Amino acid sequence: AASGSASGLSADYYAIGWFRQAPGKEREG
């Protein structure tokens, strides 16, 4: 869930990604 805005631009101006990080591993897309 996105809320607020940055520089007056709402969440509608953002593409969204999901990442994950397992123990001992680098974060991956």
PDB file of all heavy atoms in Angstrom:
ATOM      1  N   ALA A   1       0.842  -1.190   0.000  1.00  0.00           N
ATOM      2  CA  ALA A   1       0.000   0.000   0.000  1.00  0.00           C
ATOM      3  C   ALA A   1       0.881   1.245   0.000  1.00  0.00           C
ATOM      4  O   ALA A   1       1.765   1.380   0.840  1.00  0.00           O
ATOM      5  CB  ALA A   1      -0.903  -0.002   1.221  1.00  0.00           C
ATOM      6  N   ALA A   2       0.618   2.136  -0.949  1.00  0.00           N
ATOM      7  CA  ALA A   2       1.384   3.373  -1.081  1.00  0.00           C
ATOM      8  C   ALA A   2       0.562   4.545  -0.564  1.00  0.00           C
ATOM      9  O   ALA A   2      -0.643   4.627  -0.790  1.00  0.00           O
ATOM     10  CB  ALA A   2       1.768   3.608  -2.535  1.00  0.00           C
ATOM     11  N   SER A   3       1.240   5.443   0.125  1.00  0.00           N
ATOM     12  CA  SER A   3       0.570   6.643   0.614  1.00  0.00           C
ATOM     13  C   SER A   3       1.549   7.813   0.580  1.00  0.00           C
ATOM     14  O   SER A   3       2.761   7.629   0.459  1.00  0.00           O
ATOM     15  CB  SER A   3       0.039   6.432   2.037  1.00  0.00           C
ATOM     16  OG  SER A   3       1.097   6.172   2.926  1.00  0.00           O
ATOM     17  N   GLY A   4       0.994   9.020   0.727  1.00  0.00           N
ATOM     18  CA  GLY A   4       1.827  10.206   0.695  1.00  0.00           C
ATOM     19  C   GLY A   4       2.218  10.581  -0.716  1.00  0.00           C
ATOM     20  O   GLY A   4       1.686  10.057  -1.686  1.00  0.00           O
ATOM     21  N   SER A   5       3.154  11.482  -0.822  1.00  0.00           N
ATOM     22  CA  SER A   5       3.639  11.903  -2.133  1.00  0.00           C
ATOM     23  C   SER A   5       5.057  12.408  -1.998  1.00  0.00           C
ATOM     24  O   SER A   5       5.513  12.742  -0.903  1.00  0.00           O
ATOM     25  CB  SER A   5       2.738  12.993  -2.711  1.00  0.00           C
ATOM     26  OG  SER A   5       2.810  14.158  -1.905  1.00  0.00           O
ATOM     27  N   ALA A   6       5.748  12.417  -3.111  1.00  0.00           N
ATOM     28  CA  ALA A   6       7.113  12.930  -3.142  1.00  0.00           C
ATOM     29  C   ALA A   6       7.175  14.042  -4.179  1.00  0.00           C
ATOM     30  O   ALA A   6       6.783  13.835  -5.325  1.00  0.00           O
ATOM     31  CB  ALA A   6       8.093  11.823  -3.482  1.00  0.00           C
ATOM     32  N   SER A   7       7.601  15.216  -3.754  1.00  0.00           N
ATOM     33  CA  SER A   7       7.658  16.376  -4.653  1.00  0.00           C
ATOM     34  C   SER A   7       6.302  16.647  -5.290  1.00  0.00           C
ATOM     35  O   SER A   7       6.207  17.048  -6.444  1.00  0.00           O
ATOM     36  CB  SER A   7       8.726  16.159  -5.741  1.00  0.00           C
ATOM     37  OG  SER A   7       9.993  15.973  -5.164  1.00  0.00           O
ATOM     38  N   GLY A   8       5.241  16.371  -4.539  1.00  0.00           N
ATOM     39  CA  GLY A   8       3.896  16.624  -5.021  1.00  0.00           C
ATOM     40  C   GLY A   8       3.354  15.579  -5.953  1.00  0.00           C
ATOM     41  O   GLY A   8       2.233  15.712  -6.470  1.00  0.00           O
ATOM     42  N   LEU A   9       4.102  14.512  -6.189  1.00  0.00           N
ATOM     43  CA  LEU A   9       3.675  13.463  -7.116  1.00  0.00           C
ATOM     44  C   LEU A   9       3.191  12.254  -6.333  1.00  0.00           C
ATOM     45  O   LEU A   9       3.889  11.725  -5.475  1.00  0.00           O
ATOM     46  CB  LEU A   9       4.829  13.075  -8.034  1.00  0.00           C
ATOM     47  CG  LEU A   9       5.358  14.236  -8.882  1.00  0.00           C
ATOM     48  CD1 LEU A   9       6.584  13.790  -9.655  1.00  0.00           C
ATOM     49  CD2 LEU A   9       4.293  14.762  -9.815  1.00  0.00           C
ATOM     50  N   SER A  10       1.986  11.807  -6.639  1.00  0.00           N
ATOM     51  CA  SER A  10       1.378  10.694  -5.905  1.00  0.00           C
ATOM     52  C   SER A  10       1.929   9.354  -6.389  1.00  0.00           C
ATOM     53  O   SER A  10       2.738   9.273  -7.313  1.00  0.00           O
ATOM     54  CB  SER A  10      -0.136  10.719  -6.104  1.00  0.00           C
ATOM     55  OG  SER A  10      -0.434  10.381  -7.452  1.00  0.00           O
ATOM     56  N   ALA A  11       1.440   8.294  -5.760  1.00  0.00           N
ATOM     57  CA  ALA A  11       1.881   6.948  -6.088  1.00  0.00           C
ATOM     58  C   ALA A  11       1.596   6.575  -7.534  1.00  0.00           C
ATOM     59  O   ALA A  11       2.222   5.671  -8.090  1.00  0.00           O
ATOM     60  CB  ALA A  11       1.201   5.946  -5.151  1.00  0.00           C
ATOM     61  N   ASP A  12       0.671   7.269  -8.162  1.00  0.00           N
ATOM     62  CA  ASP A  12       0.342   6.980  -9.554  1.00  0.00           C
ATOM     63  C   ASP A  12       1.528   7.212 -10.483  1.00  0.00           C
ATOM     64  O   ASP A  12       1.558   6.705 -11.609  1.00  0.00           O
ATOM     65  CB  ASP A  12      -0.831   7.847 -10.008  1.00  0.00           C
ATOM     66  CG  ASP A  12      -1.288   7.510 -11.416  1.00  0.00           C
ATOM     67  OD1 ASP A  12      -1.569   6.318 -11.669  1.00  0.00           O
ATOM     68  OD2 ASP A  12      -1.317   8.400 -12.268  1.00  0.00           O
ATOM     69  N   TYR A  13       2.515   7.975 -10.051  1.00  0.00           N
ATOM     70  CA  TYR A  13       3.682   8.272 -10.874  1.00  0.00           C
ATOM     71  C   TYR A  13       4.806   7.256 -10.701  1.00  0.00           C
ATOM     72  O   TYR A  13       5.920   7.474 -11.173  1.00  0.00           O
ATOM     73  CB  TYR A  13       4.206   9.663 -10.548  1.00  0.00           C
ATOM     74  CG  TYR A  13       3.363  10.770 -11.128  1.00  0.00           C
ATOM     75  CD1 TYR A  13       2.255  11.257 -10.437  1.00  0.00           C
ATOM     76  CD2 TYR A  13       3.651  11.308 -12.381  1.00  0.00           C
ATOM     77  CE1 TYR A  13       1.463  12.256 -10.979  1.00  0.00           C
ATOM     78  CE2 TYR A  13       2.861  12.312 -12.918  1.00  0.00           C
ATOM     79  CZ  TYR A  13       1.777  12.776 -12.217  1.00  0.00           C
ATOM     80  OH  TYR A  13       0.998  13.769 -12.745  1.00  0.00           O
ATOM     81  N   TYR A  14       4.518   6.166 -10.029  1.00  0.00           N
ATOM     82  CA  TYR A  14       5.570   5.207  -9.726  1.00  0.00           C
ATOM     83  C   TYR A  14       5.233   3.810 -10.243  1.00  0.00           C
ATOM     84  O   TYR A  14       4.129   3.302 -10.020  1.00  0.00           O
ATOM     85  CB  TYR A  14       5.790   5.124  -8.221  1.00  0.00           C
ATOM     86  CG  TYR A  14       6.370   6.393  -7.649  1.00  0.00           C
ATOM     87  CD1 TYR A  14       5.551   7.474  -7.336  1.00  0.00           C
ATOM     88  CD2 TYR A  14       7.746   6.519  -7.443  1.00  0.00           C
ATOM     89  CE1 TYR A  14       6.091   8.651  -6.831  1.00  0.00           C
ATOM     90  CE2 TYR A  14       8.283   7.686  -6.930  1.00  0.00           C
ATOM     91  CZ  TYR A  14       7.452   8.746  -6.633  1.00  0.00           C
ATOM     92  OH  TYR A  14       7.995   9.905  -6.139  1.00  0.00           O
ATOM     93  N   ALA A  15       6.205   3.221 -10.924  1.00  0.00           N
ATOM     94  CA  ALA A  15       6.146   1.780 -11.162  1.00  0.00           C
ATOM     95  C   ALA A  15       6.561   1.094  -9.868  1.00  0.00           C
ATOM     96  O   ALA A  15       7.314   1.656  -9.074  1.00  0.00           O
ATOM     97  CB  ALA A  15       7.088   1.400 -12.300  1.00  0.00           C
ATOM     98  N   ILE A  16       6.068  -0.111  -9.654  1.00  0.00           N
ATOM     99  CA  ILE A  16       6.306  -0.812  -8.393  1.00  0.00           C
ATOM    100  C   ILE A  16       6.978  -2.141  -8.648  1.00  0.00           C
ATOM    101  O   ILE A  16       6.623  -2.878  -9.579  1.00  0.00           O
ATOM    102  CB  ILE A  16       4.986  -1.050  -7.642  1.00  0.00           C
ATOM    103  CG1 ILE A  16       4.274   0.269  -7.353  1.00  0.00           C
ATOM    104  CG2 ILE A  16       5.251  -1.819  -6.336  1.00  0.00           C
ATOM    105  CD1 ILE A  16       4.988   1.200  -6.403  1.00  0.00           C
ATOM    106  N   GLY A  17       7.946  -2.447  -7.825  1.00  0.00           N
ATOM    107  CA  GLY A  17       8.633  -3.732  -7.910  1.00  0.00           C
ATOM    108  C   GLY A  17       8.581  -4.473  -6.592  1.00  0.00           C
ATOM    109  O   GLY A  17       8.411  -3.876  -5.529  1.00  0.00           O
ATOM    110  N   TRP A  18       8.693  -5.780  -6.671  1.00  0.00           N
ATOM    111  CA  TRP A  18       8.834  -6.642  -5.496  1.00  0.00           C
ATOM    112  C   TRP A  18      10.237  -7.270  -5.519  1.00  0.00           C
ATOM    113  O   TRP A  18      10.676  -7.773  -6.560  1.00  0.00           O
ATOM    114  CB  TRP A  18       7.792  -7.749  -5.485  1.00  0.00           C
ATOM    115  CG  TRP A  18       6.426  -7.311  -5.074  1.00  0.00           C
ATOM    116  CD1 TRP A  18       5.372  -6.988  -5.890  1.00  0.00           C
ATOM    117  CD2 TRP A  18       5.946  -7.160  -3.735  1.00  0.00           C
ATOM    118  NE1 TRP A  18       4.279  -6.648  -5.145  1.00  0.00           N
ATOM    119  CE2 TRP A  18       4.595  -6.749  -3.808  1.00  0.00           C
ATOM    120  CE3 TRP A  18       6.507  -7.346  -2.462  1.00  0.00           C
ATOM    121  CZ2 TRP A  18       3.814  -6.504  -2.696  1.00  0.00           C
ATOM    122  CZ3 TRP A  18       5.727  -7.100  -1.344  1.00  0.00           C
ATOM    123  CH2 TRP A  18       4.395  -6.687  -1.467  1.00  0.00           C
ATOM    124  N   PHE A  19      10.866  -7.257  -4.375  1.00  0.00           N
ATOM    125  CA  PHE A  19      12.171  -7.866  -4.199  1.00  0.00           C
ATOM    126  C   PHE A  19      12.102  -8.818  -3.003  1.00  0.00           C
ATOM    127  O   PHE A  19      11.181  -8.750  -2.202  1.00  0.00           O
ATOM    128  CB  PHE A  19      13.231  -6.786  -3.927  1.00  0.00           C
ATOM    129  CG  PHE A  19      13.532  -5.926  -5.114  1.00  0.00           C
ATOM    130  CD1 PHE A  19      12.653  -4.934  -5.507  1.00  0.00           C
ATOM    131  CD2 PHE A  19      14.698  -6.095  -5.837  1.00  0.00           C
ATOM    132  CE1 PHE A  19      12.922  -4.143  -6.615  1.00  0.00           C
ATOM    133  CE2 PHE A  19      14.981  -5.313  -6.938  1.00  0.00           C
ATOM    134  CZ  PHE A  19      14.088  -4.327  -7.324  1.00  0.00           C
ATOM    135  N   ARG A  20      13.100  -9.656  -2.885  1.00  0.00           N
ATOM    136  CA  ARG A  20      13.173 -10.521  -1.708  1.00  0.00           C
ATOM    137  C   ARG A  20      14.629 -10.757  -1.337  1.00  0.00           C
ATOM    138  O   ARG A  20      15.512 -10.692  -2.194  1.00  0.00           O
ATOM    139  CB  ARG A  20      12.459 -11.844  -1.955  1.00  0.00           C
ATOM    140  CG  ARG A  20      13.102 -12.740  -3.015  1.00  0.00           C
ATOM    141  CD  ARG A  20      12.234 -13.957  -3.262  1.00  0.00           C
ATOM    142  NE  ARG A  20      12.824 -14.864  -4.244  1.00  0.00           N
ATOM    143  CZ  ARG A  20      12.218 -15.945  -4.720  1.00  0.00           C
ATOM    144  NH1 ARG A  20      10.978 -16.258  -4.312  1.00  0.00           N
ATOM    145  NH2 ARG A  20      12.823 -16.717  -5.605  1.00  0.00           N
ATOM    146  N   GLN A  21      14.822 -11.041  -0.062  1.00  0.00           N
ATOM    147  CA  GLN A  21      16.171 -11.342   0.436  1.00  0.00           C
ATOM    148  C   GLN A  21      16.092 -12.496   1.413  1.00  0.00           C
ATOM    149  O   GLN A  21      15.446 -12.391   2.465  1.00  0.00           O
ATOM    150  CB  GLN A  21      16.798 -10.117   1.101  1.00  0.00           C
ATOM    151  CG  GLN A  21      18.246 -10.323   1.478  1.00  0.00           C
ATOM    152  CD  GLN A  21      18.941  -9.028   1.837  1.00  0.00           C
ATOM    153  OE1 GLN A  21      18.317  -8.048   2.205  1.00  0.00           O
ATOM    154  NE2 GLN A  21      20.267  -9.021   1.718  1.00  0.00           N
ATOM    155  N   ALA A  22      16.730 -13.578   1.043  1.00  0.00           N
ATOM    156  CA  ALA A  22      16.808 -14.751   1.904  1.00  0.00           C
ATOM    157  C   ALA A  22      18.040 -14.625   2.799  1.00  0.00           C
ATOM    158  O   ALA A  22      18.997 -13.917   2.459  1.00  0.00           O
ATOM    159  CB  ALA A  22      16.891 -16.008   1.054  1.00  0.00           C
ATOM    160  N   PRO A  23      18.045 -15.317   3.940  1.00  0.00           N
ATOM    161  CA  PRO A  23      19.204 -15.244   4.856  1.00  0.00           C
ATOM    162  C   PRO A  23      20.497 -15.621   4.146  1.00  0.00           C
ATOM    163  O   PRO A  23      20.568 -16.644   3.464  1.00  0.00           O
ATOM    164  CB  PRO A  23      18.838 -16.248   5.945  1.00  0.00           C
ATOM    165  CG  PRO A  23      17.365 -16.316   5.931  1.00  0.00           C
ATOM    166  CD  PRO A  23      16.965 -16.144   4.498  1.00  0.00           C
ATOM    167  N   GLY A  24      21.495 -14.762   4.289  1.00  0.00           N
ATOM    168  CA  GLY A  24      22.794 -15.048   3.708  1.00  0.00           C
ATOM    169  C   GLY A  24      22.900 -14.808   2.217  1.00  0.00           C
ATOM    170  O   GLY A  24      23.929 -15.114   1.607  1.00  0.00           O
ATOM    171  N   LYS A  25      21.845 -14.267   1.622  1.00  0.00           N
ATOM    172  CA  LYS A  25      21.857 -14.037   0.176  1.00  0.00           C
ATOM    173  C   LYS A  25      21.609 -12.559  -0.127  1.00  0.00           C
ATOM    174  O   LYS A  25      21.105 -11.816   0.702  1.00  0.00           O
ATOM    175  CB  LYS A  25      20.793 -14.888  -0.512  1.00  0.00           C
ATOM    176  CG  LYS A  25      21.038 -16.381  -0.426  1.00  0.00           C
ATOM    177  CD  LYS A  25      20.054 -17.150  -1.279  1.00  0.00           C
ATOM    178  CE  LYS A  25      20.344 -18.643  -1.262  1.00  0.00           C
ATOM    179  NZ  LYS A  25      19.393 -19.402  -2.127  1.00  0.00           N
ATOM    180  N   GLU A  26      21.977 -12.171  -1.319  1.00  0.00           N
ATOM    181  CA  GLU A  26      21.714 -10.805  -1.753  1.00  0.00           C
ATOM    182  C   GLU A  26      20.239 -10.629  -2.105  1.00  0.00           C
ATOM    183  O   GLU A  26      19.558 -11.588  -2.455  1.00  0.00           O
ATOM    184  CB  GLU A  26      22.585 -10.474  -2.970  1.00  0.00           C
ATOM    185  CG  GLU A  26      24.066 -10.400  -2.676  1.00  0.00           C
ATOM    186  CD  GLU A  26      24.879  -9.909  -3.860  1.00  0.00           C
ATOM    187  OE1 GLU A  26      24.297  -9.724  -4.939  1.00  0.00           O
ATOM    188  OE2 GLU A  26      26.093  -9.718  -3.702  1.00  0.00           O
ATOM    189  N   ARG A  27      19.805  -9.398  -2.023  1.00  0.00           N
ATOM    190  CA  ARG A  27      18.430  -9.097  -2.406  1.00  0.00           C
ATOM    191  C   ARG A  27      18.271  -9.295  -3.908  1.00  0.00           C
ATOM    192  O   ARG A  27      19.139  -8.892  -4.691  1.00  0.00           O
ATOM    193  CB  ARG A  27      18.062  -7.673  -2.000  1.00  0.00           C
ATOM    194  CG  ARG A  27      16.595  -7.351  -2.180  1.00  0.00           C
ATOM    195  CD  ARG A  27      16.160  -6.192  -1.290  1.00  0.00           C
ATOM    196  NE  ARG A  27      16.950  -4.991  -1.479  1.00  0.00           N
ATOM    197  CZ  ARG A  27      16.838  -3.922  -0.711  1.00  0.00           C
ATOM    198  NH1 ARG A  27      15.998  -3.914   0.302  1.00  0.00           N
ATOM    199  NH2 ARG A  27      17.570  -2.850  -0.952  1.00  0.00           N
ATOM    200  N   GLU A  28      17.164  -9.907  -4.316  1.00  0.00           N
ATOM    201  CA  GLU A  28      16.927 -10.161  -5.739  1.00  0.00           C
ATOM    202  C   GLU A  28      15.564  -9.632  -6.167  1.00  0.00           C
ATOM    203  O   GLU A  28      14.608  -9.613  -5.383  1.00  0.00           O
ATOM    204  CB  GLU A  28      17.006 -11.660  -6.037  1.00  0.00           C
ATOM    205  CG  GLU A  28      15.954 -12.499  -5.351  1.00  0.00           C
ATOM    206  CD  GLU A  28      15.938 -13.942  -5.832  1.00  0.00           C
ATOM    207  OE1 GLU A  28      16.521 -14.232  -6.889  1.00  0.00           O
ATOM    208  OE2 GLU A  28      15.312 -14.779  -5.140  1.00  0.00           O
ATOM    209  N   GLY A  29      15.476  -9.220  -7.403  1.00  0.00           N
ATOM    210  CA  GLY A  29      14.208  -8.761  -7.950  1.00  0.00           C
ATOM    211  C   GLY A  29      13.294  -9.922  -8.252  1.00  0.00           C
ATOM    212  O   GLY A  29      13.739 -10.961  -8.755  1.00  0.00           O
TER     213      GLY A  29
END
